[in-house]
C-alpha atoms as a PDB file:
ATOM      1  CA  MET A   1     137.017  96.426 104.978  1.00  0.00           C
ATOM      2  CA  GLU A   2     137.098  98.502 101.837  1.00  0.00           C
ATOM      3  CA  GLY A   3     134.307 100.998 101.430  1.00  0.00           C
ATOM      4  CA  LYS A   4     133.136 100.634 105.027  1.00  0.00           C
ATOM      5  CA  GLN A   5     134.007 102.660 108.083  1.00  0.00           C
ATOM      6  CA  LEU A   6     134.315 100.936 111.427  1.00  0.00           C
ATOM      7  CA  ASN A   7     131.865 102.292 113.976  1.00  0.00           C
ATOM      8  CA  VAL A   8     134.062 102.023 117.066  1.00  0.00           C
ATOM      9  CA  GLY A   9     131.195 102.601 119.506  1.00  0.00           C
ATOM     10  CA  GLU A  10     129.195  99.778 117.959  1.00  0.00           C
ATOM     11  CA  TYR A  11     132.307  97.557 117.924  1.00  0.00           C
ATOM     12  CA  VAL A  12     132.950  98.171 121.638  1.00  0.00           C
ATOM     13  CA  ASP A  13     129.322  97.438 122.497  1.00  0.00           C
ATOM     14  CA  LEU A  14     129.262  94.229 120.446  1.00  0.00           C
ATOM     15  CA  MET A  15     132.583  92.965 121.810  1.00  0.00           C
ATOM     16  CA  ALA A  16     131.458  93.634 125.388  1.00  0.00           C
ATOM     17  CA  LEU A  17     128.321  91.631 124.648  1.00  0.00           C
ATOM     18  CA  LEU A  18     130.275  88.830 122.997  1.00  0.00           C
ATOM     19  CA  LEU A  19     132.739  88.627 125.902  1.00  0.00           C
ATOM     20  CA  ASP A  20     129.947  88.940 128.472  1.00  0.00           C
ATOM     21  CA  LEU A  21     131.786  91.967 129.836  1.00  0.00           C
ATOM     22  CA  GLU A  22     129.847  94.505 131.853  1.00  0.00           C
ATOM     23  CA  LEU A  23     131.043  97.841 130.522  1.00  0.00           C
ATOM     24  CA  LYS A  24     129.870 100.579 132.842  1.00  0.00           C
ATOM     25  CA  ASP A  25     128.524 103.725 131.184  1.00  0.00           C
ATOM     26  CA  GLU A  26     131.099 105.856 133.002  1.00  0.00           C
ATOM     27  CA  TYR A  27     133.948 103.969 131.254  1.00  0.00           C
ATOM     28  CA  ARG A  28     132.415 103.476 127.802  1.00  0.00           C
ATOM     29  CA  ASP A  29     133.565 106.809 126.334  1.00  0.00           C
ATOM     30  CA  GLY A  30     137.132 106.193 127.517  1.00  0.00           C
ATOM     31  CA  VAL A  31     137.172 102.695 126.034  1.00  0.00           C
ATOM     32  CA  ILE A  32     135.879 104.040 122.734  1.00  0.00           C
ATOM     33  CA  ALA A  33     138.515 106.812 122.747  1.00  0.00           C
ATOM     34  CA  ASN A  34     141.267 104.243 123.291  1.00  0.00           C
ATOM     35  CA  PHE A  35     139.967 102.044 120.468  1.00  0.00           C
ATOM     36  CA  GLU A  36     139.915 105.113 118.205  1.00  0.00           C
ATOM     37  CA  ARG A  37     143.620 105.591 119.017  1.00  0.00           C
ATOM     38  CA  ILE A  38     144.335 101.914 118.360  1.00  0.00           C
ATOM     39  CA  LYS A  39     142.488 102.163 115.052  1.00  0.00           C
ATOM     40  CA  ALA A  40     144.578 105.183 114.002  1.00  0.00           C
ATOM     41  CA  ILE A  41     147.841 103.409 114.849  1.00  0.00           C
ATOM     42  CA  ALA A  42     146.756 100.232 113.062  1.00  0.00           C
ATOM     43  CA  GLN A  43     145.858 102.261 109.973  1.00  0.00           C
ATOM     44  CA  VAL A  44     149.396 103.676 109.805  1.00  0.00           C
ATOM     45  CA  VAL A  45     150.864 100.176 110.108  1.00  0.00           C
ATOM     46  CA  ASN A  46     148.483  98.666 107.542  1.00  0.00           C
ATOM     47  CA  GLU A  47     149.158 101.428 105.020  1.00  0.00           C
ATOM     48  CA  PHE A  48     152.948 100.998 105.209  1.00  0.00           C
ATOM     49  CA  PRO A  49     154.072  99.710 101.816  1.00  0.00           C
ATOM     50  CA  LEU A  50     156.020  96.449 101.794  1.00  0.00           C
ATOM     51  CA  PRO A  51     158.069  95.243  98.851  1.00  0.00           C
ATOM     52  CA  GLU A  52     156.741  92.178  97.028  1.00  0.00           C
ATOM     53  CA  THR A  53     159.968  90.345  97.923  1.00  0.00           C
ATOM     54  CA  ILE A  54     159.243  90.408 101.671  1.00  0.00           C
ATOM     55  CA  GLU A  55     158.613  86.990 103.199  1.00  0.00           C
ATOM     56  CA  ALA A  56     157.046  86.294 106.549  1.00  0.00           C
ATOM     57  CA  ALA A  57     159.428  84.920 109.148  1.00  0.00           C
ATOM     58  CA  PRO A  58     158.519  81.321 109.978  1.00  0.00           C
ATOM     59  CA  VAL A  59     159.959  81.587 113.513  1.00  0.00           C
ATOM     60  CA  PHE A  60     160.443  84.509 115.837  1.00  0.00           C
ATOM     61  CA  ALA A  61     163.101  84.112 118.492  1.00  0.00           C
ATOM     62  CA  ILE A  62     163.491  86.217 121.599  1.00  0.00           C
ATOM     63  CA  ARG A  63     167.008  86.540 122.915  1.00  0.00           C
ATOM     64  CA  PHE A  64     167.852  87.886 126.331  1.00  0.00           C
ATOM     65  CA  GLY A  65     171.250  89.209 127.357  1.00  0.00           C
END
């Protein structure tokens, strides 16, 4: 999304519409605030430089114990 800024309020409204989710006005500001936080965290992760030699793991295993 180079050159464009995500309008989180518009995104929340469109996703609620797409999911047929009734988002009450009293909760909308809180949902937008949380998505702003998610966006900030995702930006940090996406900007983290990875070496060209990194390969994606084909399988992820979860081990317990």
